[in-house]
PDB file of N, CA and C in Angstrom:
ATOM      1  N   MET A   1      12.548 -25.922   1.717  1.00  0.00           N
ATOM      2  CA  MET A   1      13.485 -25.400   0.826  1.00  0.00           C
ATOM      3  C   MET A   1      14.528 -24.792   1.615  1.00  0.00           C
ATOM      4  N   ALA A   2      14.253 -24.020   2.628  1.00  0.00           N
ATOM      5  CA  ALA A   2      15.391 -23.320   3.459  1.00  0.00           C
ATOM      6  C   ALA A   2      16.617 -24.096   3.671  1.00  0.00           C
ATOM      7  N   SER A   3      16.380 -25.488   4.030  1.00  0.00           N
ATOM      8  CA  SER A   3      17.624 -26.383   4.144  1.00  0.00           C
ATOM      9  C   SER A   3      18.218 -26.507   2.996  1.00  0.00           C
ATOM     10  N   GLN A   4      17.730 -26.184   1.739  1.00  0.00           N
ATOM     11  CA  GLN A   4      18.519 -26.417   0.362  1.00  0.00           C
ATOM     12  C   GLN A   4      19.194 -25.343   0.143  1.00  0.00           C
ATOM     13  N   LEU A   5      18.968 -24.039   0.758  1.00  0.00           N
ATOM     14  CA  LEU A   5      19.735 -22.859   0.463  1.00  0.00           C
ATOM     15  C   LEU A   5      21.196 -23.003   0.870  1.00  0.00           C
ATOM     16  N   PRO A   6      22.011 -22.329  -0.033  1.00  0.00           N
ATOM     17  CA  PRO A   6      23.610 -22.102   0.141  1.00  0.00           C
ATOM     18  C   PRO A   6      23.843 -21.694   1.667  1.00  0.00           C
ATOM     19  N   PRO A   7      24.756 -22.061   2.239  1.00  0.00           N
ATOM     20  CA  PRO A   7      24.771 -21.763   3.549  1.00  0.00           C
ATOM     21  C   PRO A   7      24.797 -20.083   4.016  1.00  0.00           C
ATOM     22  N   GLU A   8      25.466 -19.264   2.884  1.00  0.00           N
ATOM     23  CA  GLU A   8      25.580 -17.813   3.281  1.00  0.00           C
ATOM     24  C   GLU A   8      24.050 -17.416   3.050  1.00  0.00           C
ATOM     25  N   VAL A   9      23.406 -18.000   2.320  1.00  0.00           N
ATOM     26  CA  VAL A   9      21.974 -17.138   1.977  1.00  0.00           C
ATOM     27  C   VAL A   9      21.154 -17.765   3.241  1.00  0.00           C
ATOM     28  N   GLU A  10      21.240 -18.954   3.498  1.00  0.00           N
ATOM     29  CA  GLU A  10      20.549 -19.487   4.981  1.00  0.00           C
ATOM     30  C   GLU A  10      20.698 -18.614   6.107  1.00  0.00           C
ATOM     31  N   ARG A  11      22.039 -18.340   6.386  1.00  0.00           N
ATOM     32  CA  ARG A  11      22.413 -17.579   7.441  1.00  0.00           C
ATOM     33  C   ARG A  11      21.649 -16.140   7.186  1.00  0.00           C
ATOM     34  N   ALA A  12      21.741 -15.540   5.911  1.00  0.00           N
ATOM     35  CA  ALA A  12      21.021 -14.331   5.885  1.00  0.00           C
ATOM     36  C   ALA A  12      19.703 -14.365   6.012  1.00  0.00           C
ATOM     37  N   ALA A  13      19.117 -15.443   5.480  1.00  0.00           N
ATOM     38  CA  ALA A  13      17.326 -15.598   5.743  1.00  0.00           C
ATOM     39  C   ALA A  13      17.405 -15.747   7.180  1.00  0.00           C
ATOM     40  N   HIS A  14      17.953 -16.415   7.952  1.00  0.00           N
ATOM     41  CA  HIS A  14      17.535 -16.424   9.575  1.00  0.00           C
ATOM     42  C   HIS A  14      17.893 -15.109  10.110  1.00  0.00           C
ATOM     43  N   LEU A  15      18.694 -14.315   9.988  1.00  0.00           N
ATOM     44  CA  LEU A  15      18.814 -12.722  10.311  1.00  0.00           C
ATOM     45  C   LEU A  15      17.748 -12.166   9.755  1.00  0.00           C
ATOM     46  N   VAL A  16      17.120 -12.087   8.476  1.00  0.00           N
ATOM     47  CA  VAL A  16      16.216 -11.460   7.970  1.00  0.00           C
ATOM     48  C   VAL A  16      14.899 -11.767   9.000  1.00  0.00           C
ATOM     49  N   VAL A  17      14.766 -13.165   9.089  1.00  0.00           N
ATOM     50  CA  VAL A  17      13.523 -13.453   9.885  1.00  0.00           C
ATOM     51  C   VAL A  17      13.468 -12.979  11.185  1.00  0.00           C
ATOM     52  N   ASP A  18      14.546 -13.063  12.054  1.00  0.00           N
ATOM     53  CA  ASP A  18      14.624 -12.338  13.220  1.00  0.00           C
ATOM     54  C   ASP A  18      14.637 -10.940  13.367  1.00  0.00           C
ATOM     55  N   MET A  19      14.923 -10.283  12.120  1.00  0.00           N
ATOM     56  CA  MET A  19      14.790  -8.804  12.174  1.00  0.00           C
ATOM     57  C   MET A  19      13.286  -8.419  11.887  1.00  0.00           C
ATOM     58  N   LEU A  20      12.600  -9.406  11.070  1.00  0.00           N
ATOM     59  CA  LEU A  20      11.235  -9.071  10.787  1.00  0.00           C
ATOM     60  C   LEU A  20      10.428  -9.262  12.204  1.00  0.00           C
ATOM     61  N   ARG A  21      10.890 -10.148  12.950  1.00  0.00           N
ATOM     62  CA  ARG A  21       9.997 -10.506  14.250  1.00  0.00           C
ATOM     63  C   ARG A  21      10.378  -9.477  15.077  1.00  0.00           C
ATOM     64  N   ALA A  22      11.743  -8.766  15.120  1.00  0.00           N
ATOM     65  CA  ALA A  22      12.099  -7.678  16.116  1.00  0.00           C
ATOM     66  C   ALA A  22      11.112  -6.425  15.714  1.00  0.00           C
ATOM     67  N   GLU A  23      11.248  -6.081  14.440  1.00  0.00           N
ATOM     68  CA  GLU A  23      10.433  -4.982  13.870  1.00  0.00           C
ATOM     69  C   GLU A  23       8.796  -5.161  14.231  1.00  0.00           C
ATOM     70  N   SER A  24       8.422  -6.290  14.171  1.00  0.00           N
ATOM     71  CA  SER A  24       6.894  -6.463  14.380  1.00  0.00           C
ATOM     72  C   SER A  24       6.467  -6.316  15.864  1.00  0.00           C
ATOM     73  N   ALA A  25       7.650  -6.550  16.627  1.00  0.00           N
ATOM     74  CA  ALA A  25       7.295  -6.317  18.123  1.00  0.00           C
ATOM     75  C   ALA A  25       7.315  -5.136  18.446  1.00  0.00           C
ATOM     76  N   LYS A  26       7.704  -3.989  17.561  1.00  0.00           N
ATOM     77  CA  LYS A  26       7.503  -2.607  17.960  1.00  0.00           C
ATOM     78  C   LYS A  26       6.155  -2.229  17.777  1.00  0.00           C
ATOM     79  N   TYR A  27       5.280  -2.758  17.114  1.00  0.00           N
ATOM     80  CA  TYR A  27       4.131  -2.400  16.643  1.00  0.00           C
ATOM     81  C   TYR A  27       2.981  -3.101  17.172  1.00  0.00           C
ATOM     82  N   LEU A  28       3.133  -4.275  17.477  1.00  0.00           N
ATOM     83  CA  LEU A  28       1.929  -5.110  18.147  1.00  0.00           C
ATOM     84  C   LEU A  28       2.267  -5.934  19.293  1.00  0.00           C
ATOM     85  N   PRO A  29       1.183  -5.946  20.117  1.00  0.00           N
ATOM     86  CA  PRO A  29       1.620  -6.577  21.516  1.00  0.00           C
ATOM     87  C   PRO A  29       1.574  -8.241  21.098  1.00  0.00           C
ATOM     88  N   LYS A  30       2.237  -8.661  21.978  1.00  0.00           N
ATOM     89  CA  LYS A  30       2.899 -10.054  21.898  1.00  0.00           C
ATOM     90  C   LYS A  30       1.982 -11.129  21.242  1.00  0.00           C
ATOM     91  N   GLU A  31       0.721 -11.065  21.701  1.00  0.00           N
ATOM     92  CA  GLU A  31      -0.384 -12.129  21.420  1.00  0.00           C
ATOM     93  C   GLU A  31      -0.835 -11.829  20.145  1.00  0.00           C
ATOM     94  N   ARG A  32      -0.559 -10.573  19.397  1.00  0.00           N
ATOM     95  CA  ARG A  32      -1.100 -10.235  18.032  1.00  0.00           C
ATOM     96  C   ARG A  32       0.227 -10.626  17.183  1.00  0.00           C
ATOM     97  N   GLN A  33       1.361 -10.733  17.577  1.00  0.00           N
ATOM     98  CA  GLN A  33       2.384 -10.629  16.459  1.00  0.00           C
ATOM     99  C   GLN A  33       2.320 -11.907  15.619  1.00  0.00           C
ATOM    100  N   PRO A  34       2.481 -11.796  14.413  1.00  0.00           N
ATOM    101  CA  PRO A  34       2.499 -13.046  13.341  1.00  0.00           C
ATOM    102  C   PRO A  34       3.484 -13.872  13.720  1.00  0.00           C
ATOM    103  N   GLU A  35       3.301 -15.282  13.503  1.00  0.00           N
ATOM    104  CA  GLU A  35       4.532 -16.132  13.729  1.00  0.00           C
ATOM    105  C   GLU A  35       5.366 -16.308  12.223  1.00  0.00           C
ATOM    106  N   ILE A  36       6.308 -15.442  12.306  1.00  0.00           N
ATOM    107  CA  ILE A  36       7.134 -15.493  11.137  1.00  0.00           C
ATOM    108  C   ILE A  36       8.359 -16.419  11.280  1.00  0.00           C
ATOM    109  N   ARG A  37       8.175 -17.419  10.479  1.00  0.00           N
ATOM    110  CA  ARG A  37       9.048 -18.625  10.373  1.00  0.00           C
ATOM    111  C   ARG A  37       9.531 -18.740   9.007  1.00  0.00           C
ATOM    112  N   LEU A  38      11.115 -19.076   8.981  1.00  0.00           N
ATOM    113  CA  LEU A  38      11.510 -19.478   7.708  1.00  0.00           C
ATOM    114  C   LEU A  38      10.904 -20.535   7.031  1.00  0.00           C
ATOM    115  N   GLU A  39      10.863 -21.545   7.757  1.00  0.00           N
ATOM    116  CA  GLU A  39      10.432 -22.744   7.158  1.00  0.00           C
ATOM    117  C   GLU A  39       8.598 -22.625   6.677  1.00  0.00           C
ATOM    118  N   ASP A  40       8.103 -21.719   6.866  1.00  0.00           N
ATOM    119  CA  ASP A  40       6.795 -21.372   6.442  1.00  0.00           C
ATOM    120  C   ASP A  40       6.839 -20.608   5.149  1.00  0.00           C
ATOM    121  N   ALA A  41       7.797 -20.407   4.710  1.00  0.00           N
ATOM    122  CA  ALA A  41       8.174 -19.464   3.348  1.00  0.00           C
ATOM    123  C   ALA A  41       8.337 -20.553   2.293  1.00  0.00           C
ATOM    124  N   THR A  42       7.537 -20.181   1.156  1.00  0.00           N
ATOM    125  CA  THR A  42       7.813 -21.241  -0.099  1.00  0.00           C
ATOM    126  C   THR A  42       8.920 -20.155  -0.716  1.00  0.00           C
ATOM    127  N   ILE A  43      10.014 -21.058  -1.020  1.00  0.00           N
ATOM    128  CA  ILE A  43      11.365 -20.343  -1.385  1.00  0.00           C
ATOM    129  C   ILE A  43      11.714 -20.931  -2.867  1.00  0.00           C
ATOM    130  N   VAL A  44      11.926 -20.235  -3.792  1.00  0.00           N
ATOM    131  CA  VAL A  44      12.258 -20.695  -5.028  1.00  0.00           C
ATOM    132  C   VAL A  44      13.551 -20.131  -5.545  1.00  0.00           C
ATOM    133  N   GLN A  45      14.316 -20.905  -6.306  1.00  0.00           N
ATOM    134  CA  GLN A  45      15.633 -20.179  -6.936  1.00  0.00           C
ATOM    135  C   GLN A  45      15.249 -19.660  -8.216  1.00  0.00           C
ATOM    136  N   VAL A  46      15.730 -18.411  -8.372  1.00  0.00           N
ATOM    137  CA  VAL A  46      15.614 -17.679  -9.639  1.00  0.00           C
ATOM    138  C   VAL A  46      16.917 -17.208 -10.007  1.00  0.00           C
ATOM    139  N   ILE A  47      16.956 -16.889 -11.423  1.00  0.00           N
ATOM    140  CA  ILE A  47      18.005 -16.467 -12.182  1.00  0.00           C
ATOM    141  C   ILE A  47      18.193 -14.876 -12.385  1.00  0.00           C
ATOM    142  N   ASP A  48      19.122 -14.078 -11.914  1.00  0.00           N
ATOM    143  CA  ASP A  48      19.248 -12.862 -12.253  1.00  0.00           C
ATOM    144  C   ASP A  48      19.561 -12.596 -13.659  1.00  0.00           C
ATOM    145  N   PRO A  49      18.683 -11.727 -14.196  1.00  0.00           N
ATOM    146  CA  PRO A  49      18.744 -11.738 -15.797  1.00  0.00           C
ATOM    147  C   PRO A  49      20.045 -10.795 -16.006  1.00  0.00           C
ATOM    148  N   ALA A  50      20.488  -9.931 -15.119  1.00  0.00           N
ATOM    149  CA  ALA A  50      21.565  -9.000 -15.358  1.00  0.00           C
ATOM    150  C   ALA A  50      22.921  -9.805 -15.492  1.00  0.00           C
ATOM    151  N   ASN A  51      23.195 -10.995 -14.515  1.00  0.00           N
ATOM    152  CA  ASN A  51      24.475 -11.506 -14.569  1.00  0.00           C
ATOM    153  C   ASN A  51      24.234 -13.265 -14.660  1.00  0.00           C
ATOM    154  N   GLY A  52      22.899 -13.706 -14.841  1.00  0.00           N
ATOM    155  CA  GLY A  52      22.992 -14.911 -14.957  1.00  0.00           C
ATOM    156  C   GLY A  52      23.278 -15.946 -13.746  1.00  0.00           C
ATOM    157  N   LEU A  53      23.465 -15.196 -12.416  1.00  0.00           N
ATOM    158  CA  LEU A  53      23.506 -15.997 -11.374  1.00  0.00           C
ATOM    159  C   LEU A  53      22.484 -16.065 -10.492  1.00  0.00           C
ATOM    160  N   PRO A  54      22.402 -17.060  -9.791  1.00  0.00           N
ATOM    161  CA  PRO A  54      21.183 -17.562  -9.012  1.00  0.00           C
ATOM    162  C   PRO A  54      20.875 -16.508  -7.858  1.00  0.00           C
ATOM    163  N   GLY A  55      19.592 -16.405  -7.584  1.00  0.00           N
ATOM    164  CA  GLY A  55      19.125 -15.591  -6.230  1.00  0.00           C
ATOM    165  C   GLY A  55      17.984 -16.376  -5.771  1.00  0.00           C
ATOM    166  N   TYR A  56      17.410 -15.843  -4.671  1.00  0.00           N
ATOM    167  CA  TYR A  56      16.293 -16.683  -4.076  1.00  0.00           C
ATOM    168  C   TYR A  56      15.053 -15.738  -3.833  1.00  0.00           C
ATOM    169  N   GLU A  57      13.837 -16.290  -3.940  1.00  0.00           N
ATOM    170  CA  GLU A  57      12.550 -15.541  -3.591  1.00  0.00           C
ATOM    171  C   GLU A  57      11.663 -16.309  -3.008  1.00  0.00           C
ATOM    172  N   GLY A  58      11.164 -15.745  -1.722  1.00  0.00           N
ATOM    173  CA  GLY A  58      10.182 -16.607  -0.978  1.00  0.00           C
ATOM    174  C   GLY A  58       8.934 -15.713  -0.637  1.00  0.00           C
ATOM    175  N   THR A  59       7.953 -16.576  -0.428  1.00  0.00           N
ATOM    176  CA  THR A  59       6.587 -16.239   0.030  1.00  0.00           C
ATOM    177  C   THR A  59       5.956 -16.764   1.154  1.00  0.00           C
ATOM    178  N   TRP A  60       5.342 -15.862   1.889  1.00  0.00           N
ATOM    179  CA  TRP A  60       4.737 -16.247   3.047  1.00  0.00           C
ATOM    180  C   TRP A  60       3.210 -16.198   2.803  1.00  0.00           C
ATOM    181  N   ARG A  61       2.232 -16.940   3.240  1.00  0.00           N
ATOM    182  CA  ARG A  61       0.936 -17.078   2.637  1.00  0.00           C
ATOM    183  C   ARG A  61       0.203 -17.408   3.796  1.00  0.00           C
ATOM    184  N   ASN A  62      -1.136 -16.768   3.964  1.00  0.00           N
ATOM    185  CA  ASN A  62      -2.138 -17.033   5.114  1.00  0.00           C
ATOM    186  C   ASN A  62      -2.783 -18.293   4.737  1.00  0.00           C
ATOM    187  N   PRO A  63      -3.712 -18.538   5.688  1.00  0.00           N
ATOM    188  CA  PRO A  63      -4.491 -19.904   5.392  1.00  0.00           C
ATOM    189  C   PRO A  63      -5.418 -19.563   4.171  1.00  0.00           C
ATOM    190  N   LEU A  64      -5.732 -18.387   3.595  1.00  0.00           N
ATOM    191  CA  LEU A  64      -6.551 -17.986   2.612  1.00  0.00           C
ATOM    192  C   LEU A  64      -5.748 -18.105   1.388  1.00  0.00           C
ATOM    193  N   ASN A  65      -4.486 -18.396   1.259  1.00  0.00           N
ATOM    194  CA  ASN A  65      -3.489 -18.599   0.414  1.00  0.00           C
ATOM    195  C   ASN A  65      -3.205 -17.046  -0.072  1.00  0.00           C
ATOM    196  N   GLU A  66      -3.388 -15.969   0.551  1.00  0.00           N
ATOM    197  CA  GLU A  66      -3.146 -14.664   0.400  1.00  0.00           C
ATOM    198  C   GLU A  66      -1.709 -14.435   0.554  1.00  0.00           C
ATOM    199  N   ARG A  67      -1.002 -13.637  -0.271  1.00  0.00           N
ATOM    200  CA  ARG A  67       0.374 -13.206   0.390  1.00  0.00           C
ATOM    201  C   ARG A  67       0.310 -12.388   1.407  1.00  0.00           C
ATOM    202  N   VAL A  68       1.263 -12.772   2.481  1.00  0.00           N
ATOM    203  CA  VAL A  68       1.271 -11.852   3.748  1.00  0.00           C
ATOM    204  C   VAL A  68       2.870 -11.334   3.810  1.00  0.00           C
ATOM    205  N   GLY A  69       3.729 -11.931   3.108  1.00  0.00           N
ATOM    206  CA  GLY A  69       5.139 -11.520   3.397  1.00  0.00           C
ATOM    207  C   GLY A  69       5.950 -11.964   2.107  1.00  0.00           C
ATOM    208  N   ARG A  70       7.253 -11.440   1.878  1.00  0.00           N
ATOM    209  CA  ARG A  70       8.091 -12.004   0.712  1.00  0.00           C
ATOM    210  C   ARG A  70       9.371 -11.643   1.285  1.00  0.00           C
ATOM    211  N   LEU A  71      10.226 -12.524   0.610  1.00  0.00           N
ATOM    212  CA  LEU A  71      11.881 -12.312   0.796  1.00  0.00           C
ATOM    213  C   LEU A  71      12.411 -12.357  -0.479  1.00  0.00           C
ATOM    214  N   VAL A  72      13.462 -11.765  -0.793  1.00  0.00           N
ATOM    215  CA  VAL A  72      14.362 -11.574  -2.093  1.00  0.00           C
ATOM    216  C   VAL A  72      15.657 -11.716  -1.603  1.00  0.00           C
ATOM    217  N   PHE A  73      16.547 -12.722  -2.093  1.00  0.00           N
ATOM    218  CA  PHE A  73      18.005 -12.565  -1.814  1.00  0.00           C
ATOM    219  C   PHE A  73      18.526 -12.551  -3.474  1.00  0.00           C
ATOM    220  N   ASN A  74      19.292 -11.533  -3.572  1.00  0.00           N
ATOM    221  CA  ASN A  74      19.888 -11.226  -4.805  1.00  0.00           C
ATOM    222  C   ASN A  74      21.099 -11.888  -4.942  1.00  0.00           C
ATOM    223  N   SER A  75      21.604 -12.124  -6.164  1.00  0.00           N
ATOM    224  CA  SER A  75      22.849 -12.845  -6.359  1.00  0.00           C
ATOM    225  C   SER A  75      24.274 -11.897  -5.942  1.00  0.00           C
ATOM    226  N   ASP A  76      23.921 -10.726  -5.744  1.00  0.00           N
ATOM    227  CA  ASP A  76      24.901  -9.976  -5.143  1.00  0.00           C
ATOM    228  C   ASP A  76      25.334  -9.742  -3.763  1.00  0.00           C
ATOM    229  N   GLY A  77      24.158 -10.774  -2.841  1.00  0.00           N
ATOM    230  CA  GLY A  77      24.449 -10.809  -1.493  1.00  0.00           C
ATOM    231  C   GLY A  77      23.448  -9.693  -0.829  1.00  0.00           C
ATOM    232  N   SER A  78      22.910  -9.110  -1.489  1.00  0.00           N
ATOM    233  CA  SER A  78      21.936  -8.235  -0.924  1.00  0.00           C
ATOM    234  C   SER A  78      20.460  -8.898  -0.671  1.00  0.00           C
ATOM    235  N   TYR A  79      19.455  -8.284   0.275  1.00  0.00           N
ATOM    236  CA  TYR A  79      18.482  -9.011   0.569  1.00  0.00           C
ATOM    237  C   TYR A  79      17.469  -7.970   0.756  1.00  0.00           C
ATOM    238  N   TYR A  80      16.242  -8.297   0.655  1.00  0.00           N
ATOM    239  CA  TYR A  80      14.806  -7.398   1.093  1.00  0.00           C
ATOM    240  C   TYR A  80      13.832  -8.429   1.563  1.00  0.00           C
ATOM    241  N   ALA A  81      12.991  -7.982   2.597  1.00  0.00           N
ATOM    242  CA  ALA A  81      11.838  -8.544   2.878  1.00  0.00           C
ATOM    243  C   ALA A  81      10.840  -7.821   3.423  1.00  0.00           C
ATOM    244  N   GLU A  82       9.647  -8.450   3.595  1.00  0.00           N
ATOM    245  CA  GLU A  82       8.539  -7.541   4.324  1.00  0.00           C
ATOM    246  C   GLU A  82       7.585  -8.543   4.476  1.00  0.00           C
ATOM    247  N   TYR A  83       6.817  -8.197   5.645  1.00  0.00           N
ATOM    248  CA  TYR A  83       5.885  -8.864   6.352  1.00  0.00           C
ATOM    249  C   TYR A  83       4.501  -8.043   6.698  1.00  0.00           C
ATOM    250  N   ASP A  84       3.444  -8.318   6.158  1.00  0.00           N
ATOM    251  CA  ASP A  84       2.248  -7.439   6.575  1.00  0.00           C
ATOM    252  C   ASP A  84       1.745  -7.459   7.912  1.00  0.00           C
ATOM    253  N   LEU A  85       1.598  -6.493   8.496  1.00  0.00           N
ATOM    254  CA  LEU A  85       0.995  -6.405   9.891  1.00  0.00           C
ATOM    255  C   LEU A  85      -0.335  -5.955  10.060  1.00  0.00           C
ATOM    256  N   VAL A  86      -0.660  -4.521   9.304  1.00  0.00           N
ATOM    257  CA  VAL A  86      -2.015  -4.260   8.944  1.00  0.00           C
ATOM    258  C   VAL A  86      -2.574  -3.879  10.340  1.00  0.00           C
ATOM    259  N   CYS A  87      -2.165  -2.894  11.034  1.00  0.00           N
ATOM    260  CA  CYS A  87      -2.402  -2.304  12.491  1.00  0.00           C
ATOM    261  C   CYS A  87      -2.172  -0.955  12.822  1.00  0.00           C
ATOM    262  N   ARG A  88      -2.782  -0.435  13.584  1.00  0.00           N
ATOM    263  CA  ARG A  88      -2.606   0.986  13.738  1.00  0.00           C
ATOM    264  C   ARG A  88      -1.306   1.237  14.568  1.00  0.00           C
ATOM    265  N   HIS A  89      -0.598   2.345  14.335  1.00  0.00           N
ATOM    266  CA  HIS A  89       0.543   2.708  14.914  1.00  0.00           C
ATOM    267  C   HIS A  89       0.325   2.830  16.458  1.00  0.00           C
ATOM    268  N   PRO A  90       1.136   2.005  17.152  1.00  0.00           N
ATOM    269  CA  PRO A  90       0.810   2.173  18.577  1.00  0.00           C
ATOM    270  C   PRO A  90       1.260   3.360  19.409  1.00  0.00           C
ATOM    271  N   ARG A  91       2.108   4.239  18.908  1.00  0.00           N
ATOM    272  CA  ARG A  91       2.444   5.454  19.401  1.00  0.00           C
ATOM    273  C   ARG A  91       1.983   6.626  18.604  1.00  0.00           C
ATOM    274  N   ASP A  92       1.737   6.536  17.365  1.00  0.00           N
ATOM    275  CA  ASP A  92       1.440   7.750  16.504  1.00  0.00           C
ATOM    276  C   ASP A  92       0.136   7.670  15.770  1.00  0.00           C
ATOM    277  N   PRO A  93      -1.072   8.201  16.486  1.00  0.00           N
ATOM    278  CA  PRO A  93      -2.284   7.782  15.762  1.00  0.00           C
ATOM    279  C   PRO A  93      -2.764   8.443  14.520  1.00  0.00           C
ATOM    280  N   ARG A  94      -1.642   9.076  13.809  1.00  0.00           N
ATOM    281  CA  ARG A  94      -1.669   9.667  12.778  1.00  0.00           C
ATOM    282  C   ARG A  94      -1.400   8.449  11.547  1.00  0.00           C
ATOM    283  N   PHE A  95      -0.849   7.497  12.012  1.00  0.00           N
ATOM    284  CA  PHE A  95      -0.535   6.416  11.030  1.00  0.00           C
ATOM    285  C   PHE A  95      -0.994   4.898  11.373  1.00  0.00           C
ATOM    286  N   PHE A  96      -0.931   4.242  10.264  1.00  0.00           N
ATOM    287  CA  PHE A  96      -1.399   2.899  10.246  1.00  0.00           C
ATOM    288  C   PHE A  96      -0.104   2.126   9.584  1.00  0.00           C
ATOM    289  N   VAL A  97       0.235   0.845  10.366  1.00  0.00           N
ATOM    290  CA  VAL A  97       1.416   0.126   9.769  1.00  0.00           C
ATOM    291  C   VAL A  97       0.999  -0.932   8.898  1.00  0.00           C
ATOM    292  N   GLU A  98       1.174  -0.601   7.660  1.00  0.00           N
ATOM    293  CA  GLU A  98       0.971  -1.683   6.586  1.00  0.00           C
ATOM    294  C   GLU A  98       1.703  -2.827   6.820  1.00  0.00           C
ATOM    295  N   ALA A  99       3.015  -2.761   6.770  1.00  0.00           N
ATOM    296  CA  ALA A  99       4.069  -3.799   6.788  1.00  0.00           C
ATOM    297  C   ALA A  99       5.288  -3.438   7.613  1.00  0.00           C
ATOM    298  N   VAL A 100       6.373  -4.320   7.889  1.00  0.00           N
ATOM    299  CA  VAL A 100       7.554  -4.086   8.316  1.00  0.00           C
ATOM    300  C   VAL A 100       8.528  -4.602   7.019  1.00  0.00           C
ATOM    301  N   THR A 101       9.630  -3.804   6.906  1.00  0.00           N
ATOM    302  CA  THR A 101      10.349  -4.299   5.838  1.00  0.00           C
ATOM    303  C   THR A 101      11.841  -4.008   6.484  1.00  0.00           C
ATOM    304  N   VAL A 102      12.719  -5.124   5.825  1.00  0.00           N
ATOM    305  CA  VAL A 102      14.063  -5.358   6.276  1.00  0.00           C
ATOM    306  C   VAL A 102      14.905  -5.557   5.001  1.00  0.00           C
ATOM    307  N   TRP A 103      15.985  -4.946   5.018  1.00  0.00           N
ATOM    308  CA  TRP A 103      16.818  -4.985   3.893  1.00  0.00           C
ATOM    309  C   TRP A 103      18.353  -4.847   4.262  1.00  0.00           C
ATOM    310  N   GLY A 104      19.217  -5.467   3.604  1.00  0.00           N
ATOM    311  CA  GLY A 104      20.677  -5.371   3.730  1.00  0.00           C
ATOM    312  C   GLY A 104      21.643  -6.012   3.023  1.00  0.00           C
ATOM    313  N   ARG A 105      22.886  -6.386   3.270  1.00  0.00           N
ATOM    314  CA  ARG A 105      23.744  -7.064   2.610  1.00  0.00           C
ATOM    315  C   ARG A 105      24.586  -7.472   3.826  1.00  0.00           C
ATOM    316  N   GLY A 106      24.993  -8.936   3.942  1.00  0.00           N
ATOM    317  CA  GLY A 106      25.896  -9.600   4.654  1.00  0.00           C
ATOM    318  C   GLY A 106      25.256  -9.400   5.880  1.00  0.00           C
ATOM    319  N   GLY A 107      25.988  -9.161   7.053  1.00  0.00           N
ATOM    320  CA  GLY A 107      25.588  -8.936   8.231  1.00  0.00           C
ATOM    321  C   GLY A 107      24.936  -7.575   8.666  1.00  0.00           C
ATOM    322  N   LYS A 108      25.125  -6.482   7.730  1.00  0.00           N
ATOM    323  CA  LYS A 108      24.577  -5.154   8.099  1.00  0.00           C
ATOM    324  C   LYS A 108      23.139  -5.233   7.492  1.00  0.00           C
ATOM    325  N   ILE A 109      22.137  -4.951   8.303  1.00  0.00           N
ATOM    326  CA  ILE A 109      20.662  -5.080   8.151  1.00  0.00           C
ATOM    327  C   ILE A 109      20.029  -3.898   8.888  1.00  0.00           C
ATOM    328  N   SER A 110      19.028  -3.362   8.160  1.00  0.00           N
ATOM    329  CA  SER A 110      18.137  -2.263   8.680  1.00  0.00           C
ATOM    330  C   SER A 110      16.600  -2.807   8.615  1.00  0.00           C
ATOM    331  N   GLY A 111      15.803  -1.967   9.354  1.00  0.00           N
ATOM    332  CA  GLY A 111      14.335  -2.283   9.102  1.00  0.00           C
ATOM    333  C   GLY A 111      13.593  -1.249   9.631  1.00  0.00           C
ATOM    334  N   GLU A 112      12.401  -1.114   9.174  1.00  0.00           N
ATOM    335  CA  GLU A 112      11.377  -0.009   9.163  1.00  0.00           C
ATOM    336  C   GLU A 112      10.096  -0.477   8.956  1.00  0.00           C
ATOM    337  N   PRO A 113       9.033   0.418   9.706  1.00  0.00           N
ATOM    338  CA  PRO A 113       7.578   0.021   9.074  1.00  0.00           C
ATOM    339  C   PRO A 113       7.314   0.703   7.873  1.00  0.00           C
ATOM    340  N   ARG A 114       6.337   0.227   7.074  1.00  0.00           N
ATOM    341  CA  ARG A 114       5.869   0.920   6.004  1.00  0.00           C
ATOM    342  C   ARG A 114       4.496   1.479   6.416  1.00  0.00           C
ATOM    343  N   LEU A 115       4.377   2.771   6.571  1.00  0.00           N
ATOM    344  CA  LEU A 115       3.172   3.475   7.070  1.00  0.00           C
ATOM    345  C   LEU A 115       2.459   4.097   6.170  1.00  0.00           C
ATOM    346  N   ILE A 116       1.173   4.130   6.513  1.00  0.00           N
ATOM    347  CA  ILE A 116       0.055   4.831   5.783  1.00  0.00           C
ATOM    348  C   ILE A 116      -0.593   5.825   6.506  1.00  0.00           C
ATOM    349  N   PRO A 117      -0.853   6.988   6.209  1.00  0.00           N
ATOM    350  CA  PRO A 117      -1.354   8.062   6.786  1.00  0.00           C
ATOM    351  C   PRO A 117      -2.846   7.617   7.332  1.00  0.00           C
ATOM    352  N   MET A 118      -3.324   7.873   8.274  1.00  0.00           N
ATOM    353  CA  MET A 118      -4.612   7.801   8.690  1.00  0.00           C
ATOM    354  C   MET A 118      -5.532   8.670   8.120  1.00  0.00           C
ATOM    355  N   VAL A 119      -6.773   8.380   7.637  1.00  0.00           N
ATOM    356  CA  VAL A 119      -7.663   9.375   6.964  1.00  0.00           C
ATOM    357  C   VAL A 119      -8.985   9.510   7.991  1.00  0.00           C
TER     358      VAL A 119
END
């Protein structure tokens, strides 16, 4: 499906995937990093109910068919993605890294971990 995305959405999708990989590299050693690939996501076109324009949503699943990540490309050009890591924070023992998240619009992109306090 990625090859059927409009060119501007496909460019953003590759940027998002690269950023998810970069974010995951901050929290997991190379041998434990997930293989985040755009072609492994199932992407469908959706219609934004506010304006009737197309957007896209994607899902990554593991071999047990559990969702481990998702992508959202909104009709206004904004996007959001997340990918589960489920690991201890490598530098701060007070936290557990549930997932990495990425968001932005156009070429402006940000990312951060989604943290859960250790108990």
